[in-house]
Amino acid sequence: MLRSLFAGISGLRVNQVMLDVTGNNIANANTVGFKSSSTVFSDTLSQMLTSASGPDTANGRGGSNPIQVGLGVQLASTNTNFNQGSNQTTGRITDLMIQGDGMFIVKKGAEEVYTRAGAFSFDEDANLVAPGGALVQGYTTFDGTGNHTGATGPIKLDPDDGAGHALKSYEIGADGKITATYDDDSRKVVAQVAIANFTNPMGLEKVGSTSFRATSNSGAVQYGVAGEGSRGEIVPGSVEMSNVDLAAEFTNLILAQRGFQASSRVITTSDQVLEELVNIKR
């Protein structure tokens, strides 16, 4: 069979994947915290017809380059774009946005995942939760200087300070600290939202619900808080919108469509050549 036939088929496959990825990006153009993806193609192994040879000056012969024929294209990777999305002000105090690097930590059951979607709220038991019920993780113990201590855990806003003073209000600062005010006008830092960071964020695995899971290539999770190390600040009352660039995505749609059409034409032409071969003897 003709090599061009299989090369055309490989072109159909990868351009279909490009259409799938682009379509998913466009569908999530208004999804809070969504990070767009892009496809990277690479050629497959090339068939060696004639290998290279070096010059033979004794016999007056020069060198020759290899003669190879490519066997098509393959999908090399799908890269996640972690560029900052735009700020959408909501006015809801529990809506949080990270301005800079880092990800919120949420836990549902035993699994810990990471997200940039900060549309949080307090549930009936006063736990800070993400949409779907995952518990937002943070620090709840502090030393005498106000620095967090201990491991991360669920953030819970108790209805009183343990001394009979009822909770009157609360606020969340740019450092992620949740400060409660009680009916005796006393104030107390009750929790601090934790921020995760990774050596290679592009190595994270998407697991749905705008969340990611750590992998062997993302590096181990590095726990911290806003403004610590390379982590960004928290913007209360706002959420980060999708970073999808619709102009770029529609351009990618055109590229994928034309690539798909061109690969289809290669298959059609190869089929015509095979038909001519079959009809040589009639």
C-alpha atoms as a PDB file:
ATOM      1  CA  MET A   1       0.000   0.000   0.000  1.00  0.00           C
ATOM      2  CA  LEU A   2       1.062   3.620  -0.515  1.00  0.00           C
ATOM      3  CA  ARG A   3       2.908   5.311   2.355  1.00  0.00           C
ATOM      4  CA  SER A   4       0.972   8.496   1.583  1.00  0.00           C
ATOM      5  CA  LEU A   5      -2.306   6.745   2.459  1.00  0.00           C
ATOM      6  CA  PHE A   6      -1.193   6.055   6.033  1.00  0.00           C
ATOM      7  CA  ALA A   7       0.431   9.496   6.322  1.00  0.00           C
ATOM      8  CA  GLY A   8      -2.930  11.029   5.401  1.00  0.00           C
ATOM      9  CA  ILE A   9      -4.714   8.917   8.002  1.00  0.00           C
ATOM     10  CA  SER A  10      -2.268  10.051  10.697  1.00  0.00           C
ATOM     11  CA  GLY A  11      -2.959  13.647   9.642  1.00  0.00           C
ATOM     12  CA  LEU A  12      -6.692  13.096  10.076  1.00  0.00           C
ATOM     13  CA  ARG A  13      -6.170  11.717  13.567  1.00  0.00           C
ATOM     14  CA  VAL A  14      -3.988  14.502  14.943  1.00  0.00           C
ATOM     15  CA  ASN A  15      -6.051  17.283  13.378  1.00  0.00           C
ATOM     16  CA  GLN A  16      -9.153  15.704  14.897  1.00  0.00           C
ATOM     17  CA  VAL A  17      -7.431  15.863  18.294  1.00  0.00           C
ATOM     18  CA  MET A  18      -6.592  19.527  17.636  1.00  0.00           C
ATOM     19  CA  LEU A  19     -10.281  20.142  16.900  1.00  0.00           C
ATOM     20  CA  ASP A  20     -11.225  18.324  20.125  1.00  0.00           C
ATOM     21  CA  VAL A  21      -8.825  20.395  22.241  1.00  0.00           C
ATOM     22  CA  THR A  22      -9.841  23.669  20.585  1.00  0.00           C
ATOM     23  CA  GLY A  23     -13.530  22.853  20.967  1.00  0.00           C
ATOM     24  CA  ASN A  24     -13.036  22.143  24.663  1.00  0.00           C
ATOM     25  CA  ASN A  25     -11.222  25.464  25.110  1.00  0.00           C
ATOM     26  CA  ILE A  26     -14.050  27.382  23.434  1.00  0.00           C
ATOM     27  CA  ALA A  27     -16.695  25.525  25.451  1.00  0.00           C
ATOM     28  CA  ASN A  28     -14.934  26.618  28.665  1.00  0.00           C
ATOM     29  CA  ALA A  29     -14.408  30.257  27.656  1.00  0.00           C
ATOM     30  CA  ASN A  30     -16.571  31.358  30.623  1.00  0.00           C
ATOM     31  CA  THR A  31     -15.523  28.664  33.108  1.00  0.00           C
ATOM     32  CA  VAL A  32     -14.050  30.122  36.308  1.00  0.00           C
ATOM     33  CA  GLY A  33     -10.393  29.198  36.744  1.00  0.00           C
ATOM     34  CA  PHE A  34     -10.180  27.191  33.499  1.00  0.00           C
ATOM     35  CA  LYS A  35      -6.761  26.845  31.863  1.00  0.00           C
ATOM     36  CA  SER A  36      -6.676  26.350  28.107  1.00  0.00           C
ATOM     37  CA  SER A  37      -4.649  23.670  26.352  1.00  0.00           C
ATOM     38  CA  SER A  38      -2.831  23.475  23.029  1.00  0.00           C
ATOM     39  CA  THR A  39      -1.653  20.576  20.877  1.00  0.00           C
ATOM     40  CA  VAL A  40       1.921  19.924  19.768  1.00  0.00           C
ATOM     41  CA  PHE A  41       2.572  17.658  16.780  1.00  0.00           C
ATOM     42  CA  SER A  42       5.735  15.821  15.787  1.00  0.00           C
ATOM     43  CA  ASP A  43       6.648  13.682  12.802  1.00  0.00           C
ATOM     44  CA  THR A  44       6.845   9.919  13.100  1.00  0.00           C
ATOM     45  CA  LEU A  45       9.822   7.758  12.179  1.00  0.00           C
ATOM     46  CA  SER A  46      11.073   8.178   8.618  1.00  0.00           C
ATOM     47  CA  GLN A  47      11.756   5.194   6.384  1.00  0.00           C
ATOM     48  CA  MET A  48      15.405   5.016   5.289  1.00  0.00           C
ATOM     49  CA  LEU A  49      15.732   4.460   1.531  1.00  0.00           C
ATOM     50  CA  THR A  50      19.440   5.218   1.249  1.00  0.00           C
ATOM     51  CA  SER A  51      21.781   5.896   4.144  1.00  0.00           C
ATOM     52  CA  ALA A  52      24.345   8.662   4.159  1.00  0.00           C
ATOM     53  CA  SER A  53      27.889   8.035   2.982  1.00  0.00           C
ATOM     54  CA  GLY A  54      31.058  10.016   3.611  1.00  0.00           C
ATOM     55  CA  PRO A  55      33.394  11.403   0.948  1.00  0.00           C
ATOM     56  CA  ASP A  56      35.824   8.975  -0.745  1.00  0.00           C
ATOM     57  CA  THR A  57      38.581  11.311  -1.905  1.00  0.00           C
ATOM     58  CA  ALA A  58      40.833   8.459  -2.984  1.00  0.00           C
ATOM     59  CA  ASN A  59      38.312   7.440  -5.633  1.00  0.00           C
ATOM     60  CA  GLY A  60      37.210  10.991  -6.393  1.00  0.00           C
ATOM     61  CA  ARG A  61      33.762  10.574  -4.890  1.00  0.00           C
ATOM     62  CA  GLY A  62      31.951  13.047  -2.656  1.00  0.00           C
ATOM     63  CA  GLY A  63      29.618  12.319   0.228  1.00  0.00           C
ATOM     64  CA  SER A  64      25.878  11.790  -0.132  1.00  0.00           C
ATOM     65  CA  ASN A  65      23.017  12.684   2.172  1.00  0.00           C
ATOM     66  CA  PRO A  66      20.489  10.146   3.459  1.00  0.00           C
ATOM     67  CA  ILE A  67      17.282   9.654   1.485  1.00  0.00           C
ATOM     68  CA  GLN A  68      14.318   9.234   3.809  1.00  0.00           C
ATOM     69  CA  VAL A  69      10.557   9.289   3.441  1.00  0.00           C
ATOM     70  CA  GLY A  70       8.382  10.418   6.348  1.00  0.00           C
ATOM     71  CA  LEU A  71       5.604   8.155   7.564  1.00  0.00           C
ATOM     72  CA  GLY A  72       3.184  10.748   8.908  1.00  0.00           C
ATOM     73  CA  VAL A  73       2.513  12.794  12.035  1.00  0.00           C
ATOM     74  CA  GLN A  74       1.738  12.040  15.668  1.00  0.00           C
ATOM     75  CA  LEU A  75       0.550  13.910  18.739  1.00  0.00           C
ATOM     76  CA  ALA A  76       3.581  14.874  20.831  1.00  0.00           C
ATOM     77  CA  SER A  77       1.787  16.541  23.753  1.00  0.00           C
ATOM     78  CA  THR A  78      -1.105  18.676  24.935  1.00  0.00           C
ATOM     79  CA  ASN A  79       0.270  21.650  26.867  1.00  0.00           C
ATOM     80  CA  THR A  80      -1.740  23.461  29.528  1.00  0.00           C
ATOM     81  CA  ASN A  81      -1.506  27.256  29.498  1.00  0.00           C
ATOM     82  CA  PHE A  82      -1.209  28.547  33.078  1.00  0.00           C
ATOM     83  CA  ASN A  83      -1.181  32.245  32.185  1.00  0.00           C
ATOM     84  CA  GLN A  84      -3.235  34.502  34.439  1.00  0.00           C
ATOM     85  CA  GLY A  85      -6.936  34.837  33.643  1.00  0.00           C
ATOM     86  CA  SER A  86      -8.825  38.102  33.955  1.00  0.00           C
ATOM     87  CA  ASN A  87     -10.285  39.367  37.232  1.00  0.00           C
ATOM     88  CA  GLN A  88     -14.055  39.269  37.646  1.00  0.00           C
ATOM     89  CA  THR A  89     -15.276  41.162  40.684  1.00  0.00           C
ATOM     90  CA  THR A  90     -18.195  39.456  42.410  1.00  0.00           C
ATOM     91  CA  GLY A  91     -18.333  41.243  45.768  1.00  0.00           C
ATOM     92  CA  ARG A  92     -18.784  37.916  47.588  1.00  0.00           C
ATOM     93  CA  ILE A  93     -16.255  37.774  50.405  1.00  0.00           C
ATOM     94  CA  THR A  94     -15.695  34.028  50.032  1.00  0.00           C
ATOM     95  CA  ASP A  95     -14.829  34.339  46.326  1.00  0.00           C
ATOM     96  CA  LEU A  96     -11.036  34.259  46.119  1.00  0.00           C
ATOM     97  CA  MET A  97      -8.593  34.805  43.266  1.00  0.00           C
ATOM     98  CA  ILE A  98      -4.846  34.200  43.200  1.00  0.00           C
ATOM     99  CA  GLN A  99      -3.020  37.092  41.553  1.00  0.00           C
ATOM    100  CA  GLY A 100       0.168  35.308  40.487  1.00  0.00           C
ATOM    101  CA  ASP A 101       1.427  31.740  40.861  1.00  0.00           C
ATOM    102  CA  GLY A 102      -0.044  29.007  43.021  1.00  0.00           C
ATOM    103  CA  MET A 103      -3.224  26.961  43.397  1.00  0.00           C
ATOM    104  CA  PHE A 104      -5.879  26.468  46.030  1.00  0.00           C
ATOM    105  CA  ILE A 105      -5.910  23.092  47.781  1.00  0.00           C
ATOM    106  CA  VAL A 106      -9.213  21.226  48.076  1.00  0.00           C
ATOM    107  CA  LYS A 107      -9.957  17.784  49.405  1.00  0.00           C
ATOM    108  CA  LYS A 108     -12.902  15.521  48.683  1.00  0.00           C
ATOM    109  CA  GLY A 109     -12.752  12.267  50.560  1.00  0.00           C
ATOM    110  CA  ALA A 110      -9.149  11.100  50.715  1.00  0.00           C
ATOM    111  CA  GLU A 111      -8.007  12.751  47.485  1.00  0.00           C
ATOM    112  CA  GLU A 112      -6.301  16.136  47.495  1.00  0.00           C
ATOM    113  CA  VAL A 113      -6.520  18.158  44.279  1.00  0.00           C
ATOM    114  CA  TYR A 114      -5.579  21.684  43.237  1.00  0.00           C
ATOM    115  CA  THR A 115      -7.536  24.427  41.505  1.00  0.00           C
ATOM    116  CA  ARG A 116      -7.464  28.061  40.432  1.00  0.00           C
ATOM    117  CA  ALA A 117     -11.265  28.316  40.682  1.00  0.00           C
ATOM    118  CA  GLY A 118     -11.897  30.201  43.933  1.00  0.00           C
ATOM    119  CA  ALA A 119     -15.717  30.377  43.911  1.00  0.00           C
ATOM    120  CA  PHE A 120     -15.960  29.180  47.510  1.00  0.00           C
ATOM    121  CA  SER A 121     -18.700  29.346  50.138  1.00  0.00           C
ATOM    122  CA  PHE A 122     -19.445  28.165  53.673  1.00  0.00           C
ATOM    123  CA  ASP A 123     -21.713  25.125  54.001  1.00  0.00           C
ATOM    124  CA  GLU A 124     -24.235  24.325  56.718  1.00  0.00           C
ATOM    125  CA  ASP A 125     -21.480  23.154  59.076  1.00  0.00           C
ATOM    126  CA  ALA A 126     -19.463  26.358  58.448  1.00  0.00           C
ATOM    127  CA  ASN A 127     -16.830  24.554  56.358  1.00  0.00           C
ATOM    128  CA  LEU A 128     -15.291  26.534  53.508  1.00  0.00           C
ATOM    129  CA  VAL A 129     -16.076  24.462  50.416  1.00  0.00           C
ATOM    130  CA  ALA A 130     -15.639  24.551  46.657  1.00  0.00           C
ATOM    131  CA  PRO A 131     -18.561  23.896  44.292  1.00  0.00           C
ATOM    132  CA  GLY A 132     -19.315  20.193  44.588  1.00  0.00           C
ATOM    133  CA  GLY A 133     -18.507  20.043  48.297  1.00  0.00           C
ATOM    134  CA  ALA A 134     -14.711  19.648  48.288  1.00  0.00           C
ATOM    135  CA  LEU A 135     -13.197  21.057  51.496  1.00  0.00           C
ATOM    136  CA  VAL A 136     -10.850  24.007  51.078  1.00  0.00           C
ATOM    137  CA  GLN A 137      -7.591  23.380  52.932  1.00  0.00           C
ATOM    138  CA  GLY A 138      -5.692  25.837  55.097  1.00  0.00           C
ATOM    139  CA  TYR A 139      -3.884  26.403  58.371  1.00  0.00           C
ATOM    140  CA  THR A 140      -5.800  26.727  61.647  1.00  0.00           C
ATOM    141  CA  THR A 141      -3.001  26.980  64.225  1.00  0.00           C
ATOM    142  CA  PHE A 142      -0.622  29.914  64.651  1.00  0.00           C
ATOM    143  CA  ASP A 143       2.341  30.853  66.812  1.00  0.00           C
ATOM    144  CA  GLY A 144       2.708  33.988  68.919  1.00  0.00           C
ATOM    145  CA  THR A 145       3.811  36.067  65.934  1.00  0.00           C
ATOM    146  CA  GLY A 146       0.830  35.103  63.783  1.00  0.00           C
ATOM    147  CA  ASN A 147       2.684  32.660  61.534  1.00  0.00           C
ATOM    148  CA  HIS A 148       0.946  29.410  60.640  1.00  0.00           C
ATOM    149  CA  THR A 149       2.077  26.163  62.207  1.00  0.00           C
ATOM    150  CA  GLY A 150       1.205  22.522  61.754  1.00  0.00           C
ATOM    151  CA  ALA A 151      -0.249  20.740  58.735  1.00  0.00           C
ATOM    152  CA  THR A 152      -3.054  21.853  56.465  1.00  0.00           C
ATOM    153  CA  GLY A 153      -6.639  20.875  57.184  1.00  0.00           C
ATOM    154  CA  PRO A 154     -10.240  21.911  56.482  1.00  0.00           C
ATOM    155  CA  ILE A 155     -11.142  25.540  57.167  1.00  0.00           C
ATOM    156  CA  LYS A 156     -14.077  25.825  59.563  1.00  0.00           C
ATOM    157  CA  LEU A 157     -15.612  29.051  60.856  1.00  0.00           C
ATOM    158  CA  ASP A 158     -16.887  28.323  64.383  1.00  0.00           C
ATOM    159  CA  PRO A 159     -19.996  30.250  65.532  1.00  0.00           C
ATOM    160  CA  ASP A 160     -18.235  31.489  68.682  1.00  0.00           C
ATOM    161  CA  ASP A 161     -14.762  32.007  70.104  1.00  0.00           C
ATOM    162  CA  GLY A 162     -15.078  29.223  72.663  1.00  0.00           C
ATOM    163  CA  ALA A 163     -15.600  31.726  75.476  1.00  0.00           C
ATOM    164  CA  GLY A 164     -19.270  32.451  74.881  1.00  0.00           C
ATOM    165  CA  HIS A 165     -18.786  35.327  72.420  1.00  0.00           C
ATOM    166  CA  ALA A 166     -20.781  34.812  69.217  1.00  0.00           C
ATOM    167  CA  LEU A 167     -19.329  35.397  65.785  1.00  0.00           C
ATOM    168  CA  LYS A 168     -20.440  38.758  64.389  1.00  0.00           C
ATOM    169  CA  SER A 169     -18.530  38.995  61.099  1.00  0.00           C
ATOM    170  CA  TYR A 170     -15.394  37.843  59.307  1.00  0.00           C
ATOM    171  CA  GLU A 171     -13.033  39.079  56.611  1.00  0.00           C
ATOM    172  CA  ILE A 172     -10.369  37.559  54.370  1.00  0.00           C
ATOM    173  CA  GLY A 173      -7.135  39.412  53.716  1.00  0.00           C
ATOM    174  CA  ALA A 174      -4.719  39.420  50.779  1.00  0.00           C
ATOM    175  CA  ASP A 175      -2.535  36.985  52.738  1.00  0.00           C
ATOM    176  CA  GLY A 176      -5.439  34.524  52.983  1.00  0.00           C
ATOM    177  CA  LYS A 177      -5.948  35.015  56.714  1.00  0.00           C
ATOM    178  CA  ILE A 178      -9.555  34.750  57.875  1.00  0.00           C
ATOM    179  CA  THR A 179     -10.145  37.152  60.750  1.00  0.00           C
ATOM    180  CA  ALA A 180     -13.280  36.727  62.851  1.00  0.00           C
ATOM    181  CA  THR A 181     -14.940  39.543  64.812  1.00  0.00           C
ATOM    182  CA  TYR A 182     -17.072  38.594  67.828  1.00  0.00           C
ATOM    183  CA  ASP A 183     -19.932  40.372  69.592  1.00  0.00           C
ATOM    184  CA  ASP A 184     -17.545  41.737  72.239  1.00  0.00           C
ATOM    185  CA  ASP A 185     -15.617  43.427  69.339  1.00  0.00           C
ATOM    186  CA  SER A 186     -12.616  41.148  69.838  1.00  0.00           C
ATOM    187  CA  ARG A 187     -10.826  39.937  66.727  1.00  0.00           C
ATOM    188  CA  LYS A 188      -9.018  36.683  66.084  1.00  0.00           C
ATOM    189  CA  VAL A 189      -7.282  35.030  63.113  1.00  0.00           C
ATOM    190  CA  VAL A 190      -9.031  31.662  62.864  1.00  0.00           C
ATOM    191  CA  ALA A 191      -7.534  30.261  59.659  1.00  0.00           C
ATOM    192  CA  GLN A 192      -5.318  30.994  56.668  1.00  0.00           C
ATOM    193  CA  VAL A 193      -5.993  29.685  53.171  1.00  0.00           C
ATOM    194  CA  ALA A 194      -3.167  27.421  51.974  1.00  0.00           C
ATOM    195  CA  ILE A 195      -1.594  27.857  48.534  1.00  0.00           C
ATOM    196  CA  ALA A 196       0.153  25.015  46.702  1.00  0.00           C
ATOM    197  CA  ASN A 197       2.955  25.388  44.202  1.00  0.00           C
ATOM    198  CA  PHE A 198       4.724  22.963  41.848  1.00  0.00           C
ATOM    199  CA  THR A 199       8.094  22.866  40.126  1.00  0.00           C
ATOM    200  CA  ASN A 200       6.407  21.953  36.828  1.00  0.00           C
ATOM    201  CA  PRO A 201       2.714  22.970  36.792  1.00  0.00           C
ATOM    202  CA  MET A 202       2.388  21.785  33.176  1.00  0.00           C
ATOM    203  CA  GLY A 203       2.962  18.259  34.502  1.00  0.00           C
ATOM    204  CA  LEU A 204      -0.314  18.349  36.460  1.00  0.00           C
ATOM    205  CA  GLU A 205      -3.175  16.112  35.356  1.00  0.00           C
ATOM    206  CA  LYS A 206      -6.651  17.527  34.760  1.00  0.00           C
ATOM    207  CA  VAL A 207      -9.270  15.610  36.760  1.00  0.00           C
ATOM    208  CA  GLY A 208     -12.435  17.595  36.001  1.00  0.00           C
ATOM    209  CA  SER A 209     -14.262  20.263  38.014  1.00  0.00           C
ATOM    210  CA  THR A 210     -11.458  22.665  37.001  1.00  0.00           C
ATOM    211  CA  SER A 211      -9.064  20.745  39.242  1.00  0.00           C
ATOM    212  CA  PHE A 212      -5.658  19.141  38.839  1.00  0.00           C
ATOM    213  CA  ARG A 213      -3.859  16.179  40.365  1.00  0.00           C
ATOM    214  CA  ALA A 214      -0.119  15.934  41.042  1.00  0.00           C
ATOM    215  CA  THR A 215       1.863  13.524  38.850  1.00  0.00           C
ATOM    216  CA  SER A 216       5.392  12.147  38.822  1.00  0.00           C
ATOM    217  CA  ASN A 217       6.425  14.923  36.408  1.00  0.00           C
ATOM    218  CA  SER A 218       4.786  17.855  38.189  1.00  0.00           C
ATOM    219  CA  GLY A 219       7.041  17.531  41.206  1.00  0.00           C
ATOM    220  CA  ALA A 220       5.874  17.165  44.785  1.00  0.00           C
ATOM    221  CA  VAL A 221       3.357  19.676  46.085  1.00  0.00           C
ATOM    222  CA  GLN A 222       4.920  22.581  47.980  1.00  0.00           C
ATOM    223  CA  TYR A 223       2.614  23.938  50.681  1.00  0.00           C
ATOM    224  CA  GLY A 224       2.596  27.575  51.734  1.00  0.00           C
ATOM    225  CA  VAL A 225       0.477  30.704  51.890  1.00  0.00           C
ATOM    226  CA  ALA A 226      -0.133  33.742  49.705  1.00  0.00           C
ATOM    227  CA  GLY A 227       2.921  35.943  49.203  1.00  0.00           C
ATOM    228  CA  GLU A 228       5.288  33.216  50.396  1.00  0.00           C
ATOM    229  CA  GLY A 229       8.046  32.362  47.933  1.00  0.00           C
ATOM    230  CA  SER A 230       6.789  32.733  44.368  1.00  0.00           C
ATOM    231  CA  ARG A 231       3.131  32.439  45.363  1.00  0.00           C
ATOM    232  CA  GLY A 232       0.812  35.270  44.424  1.00  0.00           C
ATOM    233  CA  GLU A 233      -1.497  37.387  46.574  1.00  0.00           C
ATOM    234  CA  ILE A 234      -5.149  36.581  47.201  1.00  0.00           C
ATOM    235  CA  VAL A 235      -7.807  38.974  45.907  1.00  0.00           C
ATOM    236  CA  PRO A 236     -10.990  38.568  48.008  1.00  0.00           C
ATOM    237  CA  GLY A 237     -14.339  39.285  46.374  1.00  0.00           C
ATOM    238  CA  SER A 238     -13.111  38.242  42.922  1.00  0.00           C
ATOM    239  CA  VAL A 239     -12.690  35.096  40.846  1.00  0.00           C
ATOM    240  CA  GLU A 240     -10.246  34.315  38.057  1.00  0.00           C
ATOM    241  CA  MET A 241     -11.927  33.844  34.710  1.00  0.00           C
ATOM    242  CA  SER A 242     -10.840  31.440  31.982  1.00  0.00           C
ATOM    243  CA  ASN A 243      -7.638  32.359  30.131  1.00  0.00           C
ATOM    244  CA  VAL A 244      -9.074  31.194  26.780  1.00  0.00           C
ATOM    245  CA  ASP A 245      -8.255  33.608  23.931  1.00  0.00           C
ATOM    246  CA  LEU A 246     -11.223  33.238  21.582  1.00  0.00           C
ATOM    247  CA  ALA A 247      -9.450  34.959  18.678  1.00  0.00           C
ATOM    248  CA  ALA A 248      -6.578  32.470  18.906  1.00  0.00           C
ATOM    249  CA  GLU A 249      -8.955  29.526  19.321  1.00  0.00           C
ATOM    250  CA  PHE A 250     -10.983  30.413  16.213  1.00  0.00           C
ATOM    251  CA  THR A 251      -7.710  30.691  14.299  1.00  0.00           C
ATOM    252  CA  ASN A 252      -6.778  27.220  15.570  1.00  0.00           C
ATOM    253  CA  LEU A 253     -10.163  25.976  14.366  1.00  0.00           C
ATOM    254  CA  ILE A 254      -9.336  27.169  10.862  1.00  0.00           C
ATOM    255  CA  LEU A 255      -5.881  25.572  11.007  1.00  0.00           C
ATOM    256  CA  ALA A 256      -7.271  22.251  12.221  1.00  0.00           C
ATOM    257  CA  GLN A 257     -10.054  22.294   9.644  1.00  0.00           C
ATOM    258  CA  ARG A 258      -7.670  23.010   6.762  1.00  0.00           C
ATOM    259  CA  GLY A 259      -5.206  20.403   8.032  1.00  0.00           C
ATOM    260  CA  PHE A 260      -8.017  17.863   8.190  1.00  0.00           C
ATOM    261  CA  GLN A 261      -9.156  18.753   4.664  1.00  0.00           C
ATOM    262  CA  ALA A 262      -5.607  18.546   3.292  1.00  0.00           C
ATOM    263  CA  SER A 263      -5.073  15.124   4.879  1.00  0.00           C
ATOM    264  CA  SER A 264      -8.393  13.978   3.410  1.00  0.00           C
ATOM    265  CA  ARG A 265      -7.206  15.111  -0.017  1.00  0.00           C
ATOM    266  CA  VAL A 266      -4.009  13.066   0.398  1.00  0.00           C
ATOM    267  CA  ILE A 267      -6.128   9.980   1.120  1.00  0.00           C
ATOM    268  CA  THR A 268      -8.372  10.699  -1.880  1.00  0.00           C
ATOM    269  CA  THR A 269      -5.386  11.130  -4.200  1.00  0.00           C
ATOM    270  CA  SER A 270      -3.746   7.951  -2.891  1.00  0.00           C
ATOM    271  CA  ASP A 271      -6.985   6.097  -3.502  1.00  0.00           C
ATOM    272  CA  GLN A 272      -7.089   7.365  -7.092  1.00  0.00           C
ATOM    273  CA  VAL A 273      -3.517   6.167  -7.654  1.00  0.00           C
ATOM    274  CA  LEU A 274      -4.415   2.727  -6.270  1.00  0.00           C
ATOM    275  CA  GLU A 275      -7.461   2.636  -8.527  1.00  0.00           C
ATOM    276  CA  GLU A 276      -5.283   3.358 -11.544  1.00  0.00           C
ATOM    277  CA  LEU A 277      -2.941   0.544 -10.525  1.00  0.00           C
ATOM    278  CA  VAL A 278      -5.814  -1.903 -10.181  1.00  0.00           C
ATOM    279  CA  ASN A 279      -7.167  -0.882 -13.599  1.00  0.00           C
ATOM    280  CA  ILE A 280      -3.863  -1.257 -15.460  1.00  0.00           C
ATOM    281  CA  LYS A 281      -5.027  -4.691 -16.620  1.00  0.00           C
ATOM    282  CA  ARG A 282      -8.635  -4.746 -17.589  1.00  0.00           C
END
